[in-house]
Amino acid sequence: MRLPVLAMLFIAAMLLSETASGQSARSYPWCAIYYTIDSNGTPSCSFDTRQQCMETISGLGGFCVENQYYRGVAVPTPRRAHVAKPHKHTSPHP
């Protein structure tokens, strides 16, 4: 009995954390806020470009804003290749 209860609590926590953040696993730079009667003003942040957002709200009403929580793609800094310098060998014989 304990395992199913723990599993249900885990699933509920995961669902609440996903909806509370308003973010998907991937972060997008643009959000749409729709003008609807039922809308609670929560942005839908799932657009790569402003143009995508504008096309989506076209006819529905709303506006597009930049996502303040956007995390751009992390690009690792290029590392310089280590090139071993040749060792100078000193010869005991002239």
Protein backbone atom coordinates (compact mmCIF):
# COMPACT_ATOMS: atom_id res chain seq x y z
CA MET A 1 0.00 0.00 0.00
CA ARG A 2 2.86 2.37 0.71
CA LEU A 3 4.41 2.10 -2.77
CA PRO A 4 1.29 3.17 -4.72
CA VAL A 5 0.81 6.17 -2.40
CA LEU A 6 4.42 7.25 -2.88
CA ALA A 7 4.10 6.78 -6.63
CA MET A 8 0.97 8.96 -6.71
CA LEU A 9 2.68 11.66 -4.65
CA PHE A 10 5.68 11.60 -6.99
CA ILE A 11 3.48 11.89 -10.08
CA ALA A 12 1.46 14.73 -8.53
CA ALA A 13 4.64 16.60 -7.60
CA MET A 14 6.01 16.25 -11.13
CA LEU A 15 2.78 17.49 -12.69
CA LEU A 16 2.55 20.45 -10.34
CA SER A 17 6.14 21.46 -10.91
CA GLU A 18 5.67 21.39 -14.69
CA THR A 19 2.52 23.49 -14.66
CA ALA A 20 3.76 25.87 -11.98
CA SER A 21 6.86 26.81 -13.93
CA GLY A 22 5.00 27.48 -17.18
CA GLN A 23 8.03 26.14 -18.98
CA SER A 24 8.57 23.10 -21.07
CA ALA A 25 11.71 21.00 -20.98
CA ARG A 26 13.04 23.35 -23.62
CA SER A 27 13.11 27.08 -23.14
CA TYR A 28 11.69 29.29 -25.90
CA PRO A 29 12.48 32.98 -26.45
CA TRP A 30 8.90 34.18 -27.21
CA CYS A 31 5.60 33.98 -25.30
CA ALA A 32 2.01 34.63 -26.37
CA ILE A 33 -0.54 36.13 -24.00
CA TYR A 34 -4.06 35.58 -25.35
CA TYR A 35 -7.08 37.89 -25.06
CA THR A 36 -9.83 35.48 -24.08
CA ILE A 37 -12.59 35.52 -21.48
CA ASP A 38 -11.36 32.31 -19.88
CA SER A 39 -7.70 33.28 -20.03
CA ASN A 40 -5.96 33.76 -16.70
CA GLY A 41 -3.13 35.77 -18.26
CA THR A 42 -0.63 32.93 -18.16
CA PRO A 43 1.75 33.18 -21.11
CA SER A 44 2.25 30.35 -23.53
CA CYS A 45 6.01 30.31 -24.03
CA SER A 46 6.50 27.93 -26.91
CA PHE A 47 7.70 30.03 -29.83
CA ASP A 48 11.13 30.20 -31.41
CA THR A 49 10.49 33.47 -33.24
CA ARG A 50 8.27 36.52 -32.84
CA GLN A 51 6.80 35.77 -36.26
CA GLN A 52 5.64 32.31 -35.07
CA CYS A 53 4.01 33.90 -32.06
CA MET A 54 2.30 36.62 -34.11
CA GLU A 55 0.91 34.07 -36.58
CA THR A 56 -0.46 31.97 -33.73
CA ILE A 57 -2.33 34.83 -32.04
CA SER A 58 -3.60 36.18 -35.37
CA GLY A 59 -7.38 36.02 -35.26
CA LEU A 60 -7.39 34.96 -31.61
CA GLY A 61 -6.23 38.21 -30.09
CA GLY A 62 -3.35 38.73 -27.78
CA PHE A 63 0.21 39.90 -27.85
CA CYS A 64 3.73 38.51 -27.95
CA VAL A 65 6.45 39.25 -25.43
CA GLU A 66 10.00 38.12 -24.99
CA ASN A 67 10.34 35.29 -22.48
CA GLN A 68 12.07 36.72 -19.42
CA TYR A 69 13.08 33.22 -18.34
CA TYR A 70 14.59 32.21 -21.67
CA ARG A 71 17.79 30.22 -21.34
CA GLY A 72 19.65 30.30 -24.61
CA VAL A 73 21.48 27.29 -25.91
CA ALA A 74 24.69 26.92 -24.01
CA VAL A 75 27.57 26.88 -26.44
CA PRO A 76 30.76 25.52 -24.95
CA THR A 77 33.78 27.72 -25.44
CA PRO A 78 36.26 26.19 -27.83
CA ARG A 79 39.26 24.77 -26.09
CA ARG A 80 42.67 25.12 -27.54
CA ALA A 81 44.21 21.87 -28.56
CA HIS A 82 47.20 20.95 -26.47
CA VAL A 83 50.19 20.47 -28.68
CA ALA A 84 53.16 18.87 -27.01
CA LYS A 85 56.36 20.74 -27.58
CA PRO A 86 59.30 18.60 -28.64
CA HIS A 87 61.75 18.08 -25.84
CA LYS A 88 65.28 19.15 -26.37
CA HIS A 89 67.48 16.20 -25.74
CA THR A 90 70.90 16.97 -24.48
CA SER A 91 73.41 14.45 -25.59
CA PRO A 92 76.27 13.63 -23.26
CA HIS A 93 78.44 12.89 -26.32
CA PRO A 94 79.73 15.77 -28.47
